[in-house]
Amino acid sequence: MARPRRRDAPNTFHHITNRGVAKRSLFEDDRDIEFFLARLIRQHDYGRIGILNYCCLTTHFHLLLHSPCGALSEAMRRVQSEYTLRFNSRRDRDGAVLKGRFWSSLIDSDAYMIAAMRYIDANAVDAGLVSMPEEYPWGAMRYRAGGDPPEWLDRTELDRFIREQTPAFSEPRASYLTLFGGSPSASEADWVERRLLRPEGQPGLAELDDLVGSAPERFQAWLLERTSLADGTVPGAPGASPLAVEARVAEERGRVGAWEVGEGQRRRCAWRLLAAGLMRHLCGLPWKEIEQRLGERPSTLKRIVEEHAAMAENDDRYGWVAGRIGRAALMESCGAQGGRPAADLGAKGRTRRGKRALAALRGDGGEPIGGFRSDPM
């Protein structure tokens, strides 16, 4: 079966990652990273890529690249192939070094660009290697924070983007830190990772920028349309992180209290319907992951999601609450103003926050309420 073609075209931007094969180290010393960056710079000099951001850790790397002529795959093929040959030659070994083809995700919105840049800058902090991104020697943030990046680190495209996003544009360093500074929240990091690792060929979410700044009524109409178009087999692109949905449903439930919908013997907990429906239609989760998160049997879960779709269309209050929670979860996931502010937390802080959100969905004794259970850690 042929592999899906990457979504590459001239003048596009991409978040890229790869890691070492069999969970082994990809970079064993500074010379390895220096050679890898030199291969990237060579492809930049050939005009195949522009380098906006990068971070190289022991086991993997993250890049944010500009594809000026649609030659991203060729550029990365050469970088990875040349790096593998050099890595093996230095150690008198043969065989694979990288896990396989690199993962890439098309940056299809301004909100995604900002979230991906923040995510890459925070990688070394989350790994516990440094306390501030600019302290890490193998990330672009050390140059950006210093205000004097080298010629091979893109200025033109990034400065143009920053000027569009920050009307009060000052000098590049201050404007960069204003737009991209601070660590992403747990929901924002989870959302970036899900977009990066989604199946190749799955469509993106080009309307994201319109949704972030939209009125609640506009978002509710979009969510209803997305729900009605779902065919029940292939989930849509990740519009929000399930961590944000879990936290927002728990928050709303704590504020409102018990709420049932339906009639007679078919009355159900509205919060259970909302969580399942939003995880499927807004977060784009596969059935298996929703089953694990909510502790539902497959046959029951699909019926719950169908009931969510019917309630969203036919019950005004339910539809309004679904839109309210969904919009807040989306804005929190992409770190947009109006969602919960991004906290300066490392990996441990993110884990604690996720556990607190899940704990809010539990009753005394840690038992699930309304079908919720803890995310397996």
Protein backbone atom coordinates (compact mmCIF):
# COMPACT_ATOMS: atom_id res chain seq x y z
CA MET A 1 0.00 0.00 0.00
CA ALA A 2 1.42 3.39 -1.02
CA ARG A 3 2.23 5.85 1.75
CA PRO A 4 0.22 9.11 1.78
CA ARG A 5 2.00 12.09 0.27
CA ARG A 6 3.11 14.77 2.67
CA ARG A 7 1.16 18.00 2.63
CA ASP A 8 3.96 20.14 1.23
CA ALA A 9 3.72 23.04 -1.20
CA PRO A 10 5.79 26.15 -1.93
CA ASN A 11 5.79 28.77 0.82
CA THR A 12 4.39 26.53 3.57
CA PHE A 13 5.56 25.99 7.16
CA HIS A 14 5.94 22.67 8.97
CA HIS A 15 6.54 21.31 12.47
CA ILE A 16 8.88 18.31 12.15
CA THR A 17 10.21 15.72 14.56
CA ASN A 18 11.97 12.37 14.62
CA ARG A 19 13.66 10.21 17.22
CA GLY A 20 16.23 7.45 17.57
CA VAL A 21 15.38 3.90 16.57
CA ALA A 22 14.36 1.47 19.33
CA LYS A 23 14.28 4.31 21.89
CA ARG A 24 18.06 4.69 21.72
CA SER A 25 19.96 7.98 21.80
CA LEU A 26 19.93 9.94 18.57
CA PHE A 27 22.64 12.40 19.64
CA GLU A 28 25.37 10.97 21.87
CA ASP A 29 27.61 14.03 22.08
CA ASP A 30 27.93 17.64 20.94
CA ARG A 31 29.68 16.64 17.74
CA ASP A 32 26.59 14.69 16.66
CA ILE A 33 24.35 17.72 17.11
CA GLU A 34 26.84 20.01 15.38
CA PHE A 35 26.94 17.73 12.35
CA PHE A 36 23.13 17.41 12.24
CA LEU A 37 22.73 21.20 12.33
CA ALA A 38 25.41 21.54 9.65
CA ARG A 39 23.37 19.25 7.37
CA LEU A 40 20.29 21.39 8.01
CA ILE A 41 22.22 24.56 7.25
CA ARG A 42 23.47 23.03 3.99
CA GLN A 43 19.85 22.44 2.87
CA HIS A 44 19.09 26.03 3.88
CA ASP A 45 21.99 27.25 1.74
CA TYR A 46 20.64 25.21 -1.20
CA GLY A 47 17.32 27.06 -0.85
CA ARG A 48 15.23 24.00 0.01
CA ILE A 49 14.30 25.05 3.57
CA GLY A 50 14.23 28.02 5.91
CA ILE A 51 14.97 27.33 9.59
CA LEU A 52 12.64 29.19 11.98
CA ASN A 53 13.15 27.12 15.12
CA TYR A 54 14.88 23.98 16.34
CA CYS A 55 15.68 22.02 19.50
CA CYS A 56 17.92 18.92 19.59
CA LEU A 57 17.71 16.65 22.63
CA THR A 58 19.42 13.34 23.32
CA THR A 59 16.66 11.12 21.92
CA HIS A 60 14.90 13.35 19.36
CA PHE A 61 14.70 16.70 17.61
CA HIS A 62 12.02 19.28 16.81
CA LEU A 63 12.15 21.69 13.87
CA LEU A 64 9.93 24.41 12.50
CA LEU A 65 10.82 24.84 8.84
CA HIS A 66 9.77 27.00 5.93
CA SER A 67 9.38 25.15 2.62
CA PRO A 68 9.97 27.87 -0.01
CA CYS A 69 9.80 25.58 -3.05
CA GLY A 70 7.97 22.45 -1.89
CA ALA A 71 11.16 20.38 -1.47
CA LEU A 72 10.79 19.58 2.25
CA SER A 73 10.86 15.79 1.85
CA GLU A 74 14.00 15.90 -0.30
CA ALA A 75 15.74 18.21 2.16
CA MET A 76 14.93 16.07 5.20
CA ARG A 77 15.77 12.86 3.34
CA ARG A 78 19.26 14.23 2.68
CA VAL A 79 19.70 15.51 6.23
CA GLN A 80 18.69 12.22 7.83
CA SER A 81 20.62 10.06 5.36
CA GLU A 82 23.85 12.04 5.72
CA TYR A 83 23.49 12.11 9.49
CA THR A 84 22.96 8.33 9.66
CA LEU A 85 26.07 7.66 7.56
CA ARG A 86 28.20 9.95 9.75
CA PHE A 87 26.78 8.57 13.02
CA ASN A 88 27.49 4.97 11.98
CA SER A 89 30.94 5.79 10.58
CA ARG A 90 32.05 7.37 13.86
CA ARG A 91 31.04 4.26 15.79
CA ASP A 92 31.95 1.54 13.28
CA ARG A 93 28.37 0.29 13.13
CA ASP A 94 25.64 -0.09 10.53
CA GLY A 95 21.87 -0.13 10.47
CA ALA A 96 19.13 2.37 11.19
CA VAL A 97 19.69 5.33 13.49
CA LEU A 98 16.36 7.12 13.15
CA LYS A 99 12.97 5.56 13.79
CA GLY A 100 11.92 6.02 10.18
CA ARG A 101 10.36 8.75 8.08
CA PHE A 102 10.14 12.00 9.96
CA TRP A 103 6.79 13.19 11.33
CA SER A 104 5.58 16.49 9.94
CA SER A 105 2.53 18.67 10.44
CA LEU A 106 1.55 21.53 8.16
CA ILE A 107 1.25 24.83 10.05
CA ASP A 108 -2.17 25.87 8.74
CA SER A 109 -3.06 28.71 11.11
CA ASP A 110 -1.49 31.56 13.07
CA ALA A 111 -2.59 30.00 16.36
CA TYR A 112 -0.85 26.74 15.46
CA MET A 113 2.34 28.61 14.49
CA ILE A 114 2.48 30.33 17.88
CA ALA A 115 1.73 27.13 19.80
CA ALA A 116 4.35 25.11 17.87
CA MET A 117 7.04 27.76 18.37
CA ARG A 118 6.33 27.87 22.12
CA TYR A 119 6.33 24.08 22.31
CA ILE A 120 9.73 23.75 20.60
CA ASP A 121 11.30 26.47 22.75
CA ALA A 122 10.07 24.75 25.93
CA ASN A 123 11.31 21.26 25.01
CA ALA A 124 14.60 21.40 26.91
CA VAL A 125 12.87 22.88 29.97
CA ASP A 126 10.27 20.11 29.98
CA ALA A 127 13.06 17.54 29.74
CA GLY A 128 14.59 19.01 32.92
CA LEU A 129 17.83 20.01 31.18
CA VAL A 130 17.63 23.76 31.89
CA SER A 131 15.35 26.12 33.79
CA MET A 132 14.97 28.65 30.94
CA PRO A 133 14.82 27.93 27.17
CA GLU A 134 17.56 30.45 26.35
CA GLU A 135 19.99 28.54 28.59
CA TYR A 136 19.94 25.46 26.35
CA PRO A 137 22.86 25.47 23.87
CA TRP A 138 21.14 23.36 21.19
CA GLY A 139 17.96 25.35 20.70
CA ALA A 140 17.19 28.45 18.64
CA MET A 141 15.91 30.34 21.67
CA ARG A 142 19.47 31.12 22.80
CA TYR A 143 19.92 33.14 19.62
CA ARG A 144 16.46 34.72 19.62
CA ALA A 145 16.74 35.82 23.25
CA GLY A 146 20.17 37.27 22.55
CA GLY A 147 18.79 39.38 19.73
CA ASP A 148 21.48 38.47 17.18
CA PRO A 149 20.61 35.20 15.38
CA PRO A 150 22.99 33.80 12.75
CA GLU A 151 22.24 34.27 9.05
CA TRP A 152 20.97 30.72 8.60
CA LEU A 153 18.29 31.17 11.30
CA ASP A 154 15.37 32.76 9.49
CA ARG A 155 14.59 36.39 10.22
CA THR A 156 12.54 37.51 7.22
CA GLU A 157 9.58 35.14 7.46
CA LEU A 158 9.44 35.14 11.25
CA ASP A 159 9.73 38.93 11.54
CA ARG A 160 6.94 39.28 8.99
CA PHE A 161 4.76 36.95 11.04
CA ILE A 162 5.56 38.78 14.30
CA ARG A 163 4.74 42.15 12.74
CA GLU A 164 1.36 40.83 11.62
CA GLN A 165 0.60 39.50 15.10
CA THR A 166 1.92 42.37 17.21
CA PRO A 167 0.82 45.83 16.00
CA ALA A 168 3.14 47.44 18.56
CA PHE A 169 6.19 45.75 16.99
CA SER A 170 9.40 47.00 18.55
CA GLU A 171 12.82 45.42 18.20
CA PRO A 172 12.85 41.71 17.19
CA ARG A 173 13.99 40.26 20.53
CA ALA A 174 11.29 41.96 22.61
CA SER A 175 8.59 41.20 20.04
CA TYR A 176 9.65 37.55 19.86
CA LEU A 177 9.47 37.13 23.63
CA THR A 178 6.10 38.93 23.73
CA LEU A 179 4.55 36.57 21.21
CA PHE A 180 6.29 33.27 21.95
CA GLY A 181 7.57 33.64 25.53
CA GLY A 182 6.42 31.43 28.40
CA SER A 183 5.94 27.69 28.63
CA PRO A 184 2.85 26.12 27.04
CA SER A 185 0.19 24.70 29.33
CA ALA A 186 -0.47 20.96 29.56
CA SER A 187 -3.41 21.27 27.17
CA GLU A 188 -1.44 23.34 24.66
CA ALA A 189 1.48 20.89 24.64
CA ASP A 190 -0.86 17.91 24.29
CA TRP A 191 -2.68 19.59 21.38
CA VAL A 192 0.58 20.35 19.53
CA GLU A 193 1.74 16.74 19.96
CA ARG A 194 -1.56 15.35 18.70
CA ARG A 195 -1.49 17.56 15.62
CA LEU A 196 2.11 16.57 14.94
CA LEU A 197 1.51 12.82 15.25
CA ARG A 198 -1.90 12.65 13.54
CA PRO A 199 -2.10 10.22 10.59
CA GLU A 200 -0.62 11.51 7.36
CA GLY A 201 -3.30 12.61 4.95
CA GLN A 202 -5.74 13.61 7.70
CA PRO A 203 -6.97 17.16 7.02
CA GLY A 204 -5.90 20.01 9.24
CA LEU A 205 -8.02 22.74 10.77
CA ALA A 206 -7.58 25.73 8.48
CA GLU A 207 -10.47 27.63 10.07
CA LEU A 208 -8.79 27.65 13.49
CA ASP A 209 -7.88 31.37 13.43
CA ASP A 210 -11.49 32.32 12.68
CA LEU A 211 -12.72 30.12 15.53
CA VAL A 212 -10.27 31.54 18.09
CA GLY A 213 -11.59 35.05 17.60
CA SER A 214 -15.19 34.09 16.96
CA ALA A 215 -18.28 34.89 19.03
CA PRO A 216 -19.75 31.99 21.05
CA GLU A 217 -22.69 31.72 18.63
CA ARG A 218 -20.34 31.36 15.66
CA PHE A 219 -18.35 28.64 17.41
CA GLN A 220 -21.54 26.80 18.42
CA ALA A 221 -22.74 26.79 14.79
CA TRP A 222 -19.35 25.47 13.60
CA LEU A 223 -19.30 22.73 16.25
CA LEU A 224 -22.84 21.66 15.34
CA GLU A 225 -21.90 21.47 11.66
CA ARG A 226 -18.75 19.48 12.44
CA THR A 227 -20.79 17.10 14.60
CA SER A 228 -23.48 16.60 11.95
CA LEU A 229 -20.90 15.90 9.22
CA ALA A 230 -19.04 13.24 11.25
CA ASP A 231 -19.51 9.80 9.70
CA GLY A 232 -18.66 7.83 12.84
CA THR A 233 -15.60 6.13 11.31
CA VAL A 234 -12.77 8.62 10.74
CA PRO A 235 -12.23 11.28 13.45
CA GLY A 236 -11.56 14.84 12.37
CA ALA A 237 -8.43 16.88 12.94
CA PRO A 238 -7.57 17.66 16.59
CA GLY A 239 -9.40 20.89 17.38
CA ALA A 240 -8.64 20.76 21.11
CA SER A 241 -6.81 18.64 23.66
CA PRO A 242 -8.86 16.12 25.67
CA LEU A 243 -7.08 17.47 28.75
CA ALA A 244 -8.76 20.83 28.13
CA VAL A 245 -12.15 19.18 27.54
CA GLU A 246 -11.84 17.13 30.75
CA ALA A 247 -10.86 20.21 32.76
CA ARG A 248 -13.63 22.39 31.33
CA VAL A 249 -16.35 19.77 31.74
CA ALA A 250 -15.24 19.21 35.35
CA GLU A 251 -15.21 22.96 35.98
CA GLU A 252 -18.69 23.45 34.53
CA ARG A 253 -20.02 20.42 36.39
CA GLY A 254 -18.66 21.76 39.66
CA ARG A 255 -20.34 25.09 39.00
CA VAL A 256 -23.74 23.78 37.83
CA GLY A 257 -24.05 20.46 39.65
CA ALA A 258 -25.98 17.38 38.56
CA TRP A 259 -27.65 17.64 35.14
CA GLU A 260 -29.61 14.99 33.30
CA VAL A 261 -31.04 15.11 29.80
CA GLY A 262 -33.53 12.94 27.92
CA GLU A 263 -36.86 11.53 28.98
CA GLY A 264 -38.09 8.64 31.10
CA GLN A 265 -35.79 5.66 31.34
CA ARG A 266 -33.48 7.13 28.72
CA ARG A 267 -32.33 10.01 30.91
CA ARG A 268 -28.56 10.31 31.02
CA CYS A 269 -25.89 12.41 32.72
CA ALA A 270 -25.39 15.40 30.43
CA TRP A 271 -21.74 15.78 31.47
CA ARG A 272 -20.99 12.24 30.28
CA LEU A 273 -22.56 12.98 26.89
CA LEU A 274 -20.67 16.25 26.58
CA ALA A 275 -17.29 14.72 27.44
CA ALA A 276 -17.70 11.82 25.00
CA GLY A 277 -19.13 13.93 22.19
CA LEU A 278 -16.53 16.69 22.44
CA MET A 279 -13.66 14.21 22.64
CA ARG A 280 -14.85 12.62 19.44
CA HIS A 281 -16.01 15.59 17.36
CA LEU A 282 -13.80 18.42 18.70
CA CYS A 283 -10.65 16.58 19.80
CA GLY A 284 -10.80 14.00 16.99
CA LEU A 285 -9.96 11.10 19.34
CA PRO A 286 -10.23 7.51 18.08
CA TRP A 287 -12.87 5.34 19.78
CA LYS A 288 -10.25 3.30 21.65
CA GLU A 289 -8.79 6.32 23.45
CA ILE A 290 -12.21 7.66 24.43
CA GLU A 291 -13.07 4.22 25.84
CA GLN A 292 -9.89 4.30 27.95
CA ARG A 293 -10.53 7.86 29.17
CA LEU A 294 -14.19 7.46 30.03
CA GLY A 295 -14.35 3.78 30.94
CA GLU A 296 -17.23 2.96 28.59
CA ARG A 297 -17.88 -0.17 26.55
CA PRO A 298 -17.51 0.38 22.79
CA SER A 299 -21.18 -0.22 21.98
CA THR A 300 -22.34 2.09 24.77
CA LEU A 301 -19.85 4.79 23.86
CA LYS A 302 -21.01 5.05 20.24
CA ARG A 303 -24.62 5.35 21.39
CA ILE A 304 -23.63 8.10 23.84
CA VAL A 305 -21.88 10.07 21.07
CA GLU A 306 -24.96 9.71 18.84
CA GLU A 307 -27.13 11.02 21.67
CA HIS A 308 -24.74 13.95 22.13
CA ALA A 309 -25.13 14.85 18.45
CA ALA A 310 -28.93 14.69 18.71
CA MET A 311 -29.01 16.78 21.89
CA ALA A 312 -26.66 19.40 20.41
CA GLU A 313 -29.00 19.82 17.46
CA ASN A 314 -32.37 19.67 19.24
CA ASP A 315 -31.83 21.04 22.76
CA ASP A 316 -30.92 24.74 22.86
CA ARG A 317 -29.48 24.69 26.37
CA TYR A 318 -27.39 21.59 25.72
CA GLY A 319 -26.10 23.00 22.44
CA TRP A 320 -25.20 26.29 24.11
CA VAL A 321 -23.27 24.55 26.91
CA ALA A 322 -21.49 22.29 24.39
CA GLY A 323 -20.42 25.38 22.43
CA ARG A 324 -19.32 27.19 25.58
CA ILE A 325 -17.18 24.30 26.82
CA GLY A 326 -15.84 23.48 23.36
CA ARG A 327 -14.81 27.06 22.63
CA ALA A 328 -13.04 27.40 25.99
CA ALA A 329 -11.24 24.06 25.45
CA LEU A 330 -10.10 25.08 21.96
CA MET A 331 -8.79 28.44 23.15
CA GLU A 332 -6.97 26.84 26.08
CA SER A 333 -5.44 24.21 23.80
CA CYS A 334 -3.90 26.72 21.41
CA GLY A 335 -2.91 29.12 24.20
CA ALA A 336 -5.21 31.87 22.89
CA GLN A 337 -6.33 34.84 24.93
CA GLY A 338 -9.61 34.01 26.59
CA GLY A 339 -8.65 30.45 27.45
CA ARG A 340 -6.94 29.60 30.71
CA PRO A 341 -3.56 31.40 30.79
CA ALA A 342 -0.55 29.25 30.01
CA ALA A 343 1.33 28.41 33.20
CA ASP A 344 5.11 28.36 33.41
CA LEU A 345 5.21 24.67 34.26
CA GLY A 346 7.70 21.99 33.33
CA ALA A 347 6.77 18.39 32.62
CA LYS A 348 6.05 17.63 36.28
CA GLY A 349 3.84 20.67 36.60
CA ARG A 350 1.86 19.61 33.56
CA THR A 351 1.35 16.14 34.98
CA ARG A 352 0.11 17.52 38.30
CA ARG A 353 -2.33 19.79 36.54
CA GLY A 354 -3.71 16.93 34.44
CA LYS A 355 -4.19 14.82 37.56
CA ARG A 356 -6.03 17.65 39.32
CA ALA A 357 -8.41 18.03 36.38
CA LEU A 358 -9.18 14.33 36.38
CA ALA A 359 -9.58 14.32 40.16
CA ALA A 360 -12.28 16.97 39.78
CA LEU A 361 -14.29 14.43 37.77
CA ARG A 362 -14.12 11.83 40.54
CA GLY A 363 -16.16 11.29 43.66
CA ASP A 364 -14.99 10.34 47.15
CA GLY A 365 -12.79 7.28 47.09
CA GLY A 366 -11.57 7.93 43.58
CA GLU A 367 -14.40 6.10 41.83
CA PRO A 368 -15.62 7.30 38.43
CA ILE A 369 -18.69 9.52 38.29
CA GLY A 370 -20.92 9.36 35.26
CA GLY A 371 -18.52 7.12 33.35
CA PHE A 372 -15.33 9.09 34.04
CA ARG A 373 -12.19 7.42 35.22
CA SER A 374 -8.56 8.37 35.51
CA ASP A 375 -6.38 8.59 32.44
CA PRO A 376 -3.84 5.72 32.64
CA MET A 377 -0.48 7.20 33.58
